[in-house]
């Protein structure tokens, strides 16, 4: 699954560490999601969407 996480994080000037802290996950988890090596759980995807104030469909896309 593709996503816009890296782009949206960069627009806000957040590091991976910053985003990880806001989501209560590890920096490695953020990195893995950004690079398409890990698909977030549904609760985490909802948390990400809430944080960026966007619908999930605007953040994650099927390949």
N, C-alpha and C. Protein backbone atom coordinates (compact mmCIF):
# COMPACT_ATOMS: atom_id res chain seq x y z
N UNK A 1 0.84 -1.17 0.00
CA UNK A 1 0.00 0.00 0.00
C UNK A 1 0.89 1.24 0.00
N UNK A 2 0.56 2.18 -0.85
CA UNK A 2 1.29 3.45 -0.89
C UNK A 2 0.66 4.43 0.10
N UNK A 3 1.43 5.46 0.48
CA UNK A 3 0.89 6.46 1.39
C UNK A 3 1.58 7.80 1.19
N UNK A 4 1.01 8.83 1.78
CA UNK A 4 1.55 10.20 1.69
C UNK A 4 2.18 10.66 3.00
N UNK A 5 2.48 9.72 3.88
CA UNK A 5 2.93 10.06 5.22
C UNK A 5 4.20 10.93 5.21
N UNK A 6 5.18 10.53 4.43
CA UNK A 6 6.45 11.27 4.39
C UNK A 6 6.23 12.70 3.89
N UNK A 7 5.44 12.83 2.85
CA UNK A 7 5.15 14.15 2.27
C UNK A 7 4.43 15.04 3.28
N UNK A 8 3.41 14.52 3.92
CA UNK A 8 2.64 15.31 4.88
C UNK A 8 3.46 15.65 6.12
N UNK A 9 4.27 14.71 6.55
CA UNK A 9 5.15 14.97 7.70
C UNK A 9 6.12 16.09 7.38
N UNK A 10 6.72 16.04 6.18
CA UNK A 10 7.70 17.05 5.77
C UNK A 10 7.04 18.44 5.66
N UNK A 11 5.81 18.48 5.16
CA UNK A 11 5.10 19.76 5.05
C UNK A 11 4.95 20.44 6.40
N UNK A 12 4.85 19.64 7.44
CA UNK A 12 4.67 20.19 8.79
C UNK A 12 5.99 20.40 9.53
N UNK A 13 7.08 20.00 8.89
CA UNK A 13 8.40 20.17 9.51
C UNK A 13 8.67 19.20 10.64
N UNK A 14 7.96 18.07 10.63
CA UNK A 14 8.13 17.06 11.68
C UNK A 14 9.18 16.05 11.26
N UNK A 15 9.98 15.62 12.20
CA UNK A 15 10.89 14.50 11.96
C UNK A 15 10.12 13.19 12.17
N UNK A 16 10.75 12.10 11.81
CA UNK A 16 10.12 10.80 12.08
C UNK A 16 9.94 10.61 13.58
N UNK A 17 10.89 11.09 14.36
CA UNK A 17 10.80 10.99 15.82
C UNK A 17 9.59 11.79 16.33
N UNK A 18 9.40 12.99 15.78
CA UNK A 18 8.26 13.82 16.18
C UNK A 18 6.94 13.10 15.90
N UNK A 19 6.82 12.58 14.67
CA UNK A 19 5.59 11.89 14.30
C UNK A 19 5.38 10.65 15.14
N UNK A 20 6.43 9.90 15.38
CA UNK A 20 6.34 8.70 16.20
C UNK A 20 5.82 9.05 17.60
N UNK A 21 6.32 10.13 18.17
CA UNK A 21 5.88 10.54 19.51
C UNK A 21 4.40 10.91 19.51
N UNK A 22 3.95 11.60 18.47
CA UNK A 22 2.55 12.00 18.39
C UNK A 22 1.62 10.79 18.24
N UNK A 23 2.13 9.72 17.61
CA UNK A 23 1.33 8.52 17.39
C UNK A 23 1.58 7.42 18.41
N UNK A 24 2.52 7.64 19.33
CA UNK A 24 2.89 6.65 20.35
C UNK A 24 3.36 5.35 19.71
N UNK A 25 4.20 5.48 18.69
CA UNK A 25 4.85 4.33 18.05
C UNK A 25 6.35 4.63 17.96
N UNK A 26 7.12 3.67 17.51
CA UNK A 26 8.56 3.89 17.38
C UNK A 26 8.89 4.61 16.07
N UNK A 27 10.04 5.23 16.02
CA UNK A 27 10.52 5.86 14.80
C UNK A 27 10.64 4.82 13.70
N UNK A 28 11.04 3.61 14.07
CA UNK A 28 11.18 2.54 13.09
C UNK A 28 9.84 2.19 12.44
N UNK A 29 8.77 2.26 13.22
CA UNK A 29 7.43 2.02 12.67
C UNK A 29 7.08 3.08 11.65
N UNK A 30 7.33 4.34 11.98
CA UNK A 30 7.06 5.43 11.04
C UNK A 30 7.87 5.23 9.77
N UNK A 31 9.13 4.91 9.91
CA UNK A 31 10.00 4.68 8.75
C UNK A 31 9.47 3.54 7.89
N UNK A 32 9.08 2.45 8.52
CA UNK A 32 8.58 1.28 7.77
C UNK A 32 7.28 1.61 7.04
N UNK A 33 6.40 2.38 7.65
CA UNK A 33 5.15 2.78 6.99
C UNK A 33 5.47 3.68 5.81
N UNK A 34 6.31 4.68 6.02
CA UNK A 34 6.66 5.61 4.95
C UNK A 34 7.28 4.90 3.75
N UNK A 35 8.05 3.88 4.00
CA UNK A 35 8.75 3.18 2.92
C UNK A 35 7.99 1.97 2.39
N UNK A 36 6.75 1.80 2.83
CA UNK A 36 5.90 0.74 2.30
C UNK A 36 6.27 -0.66 2.74
N UNK A 37 7.07 -0.77 3.81
CA UNK A 37 7.45 -2.09 4.31
C UNK A 37 6.48 -2.60 5.38
N UNK A 38 5.59 -1.72 5.83
CA UNK A 38 4.65 -2.09 6.88
C UNK A 38 3.34 -1.34 6.65
N UNK A 39 2.22 -2.04 6.67
CA UNK A 39 0.91 -1.42 6.60
C UNK A 39 0.40 -1.25 8.03
N UNK A 40 -0.01 -0.04 8.39
CA UNK A 40 -0.45 0.18 9.76
C UNK A 40 -1.74 -0.58 10.06
N UNK A 41 -1.93 -0.88 11.33
CA UNK A 41 -3.21 -1.47 11.75
C UNK A 41 -4.30 -0.44 11.50
N UNK A 42 -5.53 -0.89 11.47
CA UNK A 42 -6.65 0.02 11.25
C UNK A 42 -6.73 1.09 12.33
N UNK A 43 -6.57 0.75 13.62
CA UNK A 43 -6.59 1.81 14.64
C UNK A 43 -5.47 2.83 14.43
N UNK A 44 -4.27 2.37 14.05
CA UNK A 44 -3.18 3.30 13.81
C UNK A 44 -3.47 4.16 12.58
N UNK A 45 -4.03 3.58 11.54
CA UNK A 45 -4.38 4.35 10.34
C UNK A 45 -5.40 5.44 10.70
N UNK A 46 -6.37 5.12 11.55
CA UNK A 46 -7.33 6.13 11.99
C UNK A 46 -6.64 7.22 12.81
N UNK A 47 -5.69 6.85 13.66
CA UNK A 47 -4.94 7.85 14.44
C UNK A 47 -4.15 8.77 13.53
N UNK A 48 -3.54 8.21 12.50
CA UNK A 48 -2.77 9.02 11.54
C UNK A 48 -3.70 9.98 10.81
N UNK A 49 -4.84 9.48 10.36
CA UNK A 49 -5.81 10.32 9.65
C UNK A 49 -6.31 11.45 10.55
N UNK A 50 -6.57 11.13 11.80
CA UNK A 50 -7.02 12.15 12.75
C UNK A 50 -5.94 13.20 12.97
N UNK A 51 -4.70 12.76 13.13
CA UNK A 51 -3.59 13.69 13.35
C UNK A 51 -3.43 14.66 12.19
N UNK A 52 -3.54 14.15 10.96
CA UNK A 52 -3.37 14.99 9.78
C UNK A 52 -4.69 15.62 9.32
N UNK A 53 -5.78 15.36 10.07
CA UNK A 53 -7.09 15.92 9.77
C UNK A 53 -7.50 15.65 8.33
N UNK A 54 -7.38 14.38 7.92
CA UNK A 54 -7.73 13.94 6.58
C UNK A 54 -8.41 12.59 6.65
N UNK A 55 -9.26 12.28 5.67
CA UNK A 55 -9.81 10.93 5.61
C UNK A 55 -8.70 9.93 5.28
N UNK A 56 -8.85 8.72 5.75
CA UNK A 56 -7.86 7.67 5.49
C UNK A 56 -7.59 7.54 3.99
N UNK A 57 -8.63 7.68 3.18
CA UNK A 57 -8.50 7.53 1.73
C UNK A 57 -7.56 8.57 1.10
N UNK A 58 -7.36 9.68 1.80
CA UNK A 58 -6.45 10.71 1.31
C UNK A 58 -4.99 10.42 1.71
N UNK A 59 -4.79 9.45 2.60
CA UNK A 59 -3.45 9.13 3.10
C UNK A 59 -2.90 7.83 2.54
N UNK A 60 -3.78 6.85 2.36
CA UNK A 60 -3.34 5.51 1.95
C UNK A 60 -4.03 5.10 0.66
N UNK A 61 -3.24 4.44 -0.23
CA UNK A 61 -3.74 4.07 -1.55
C UNK A 61 -3.34 2.63 -1.86
N UNK A 62 -4.23 1.91 -2.55
CA UNK A 62 -3.89 0.57 -3.01
C UNK A 62 -2.85 0.68 -4.12
N UNK A 63 -1.96 -0.29 -4.18
CA UNK A 63 -0.95 -0.31 -5.26
C UNK A 63 -1.59 -0.61 -6.59
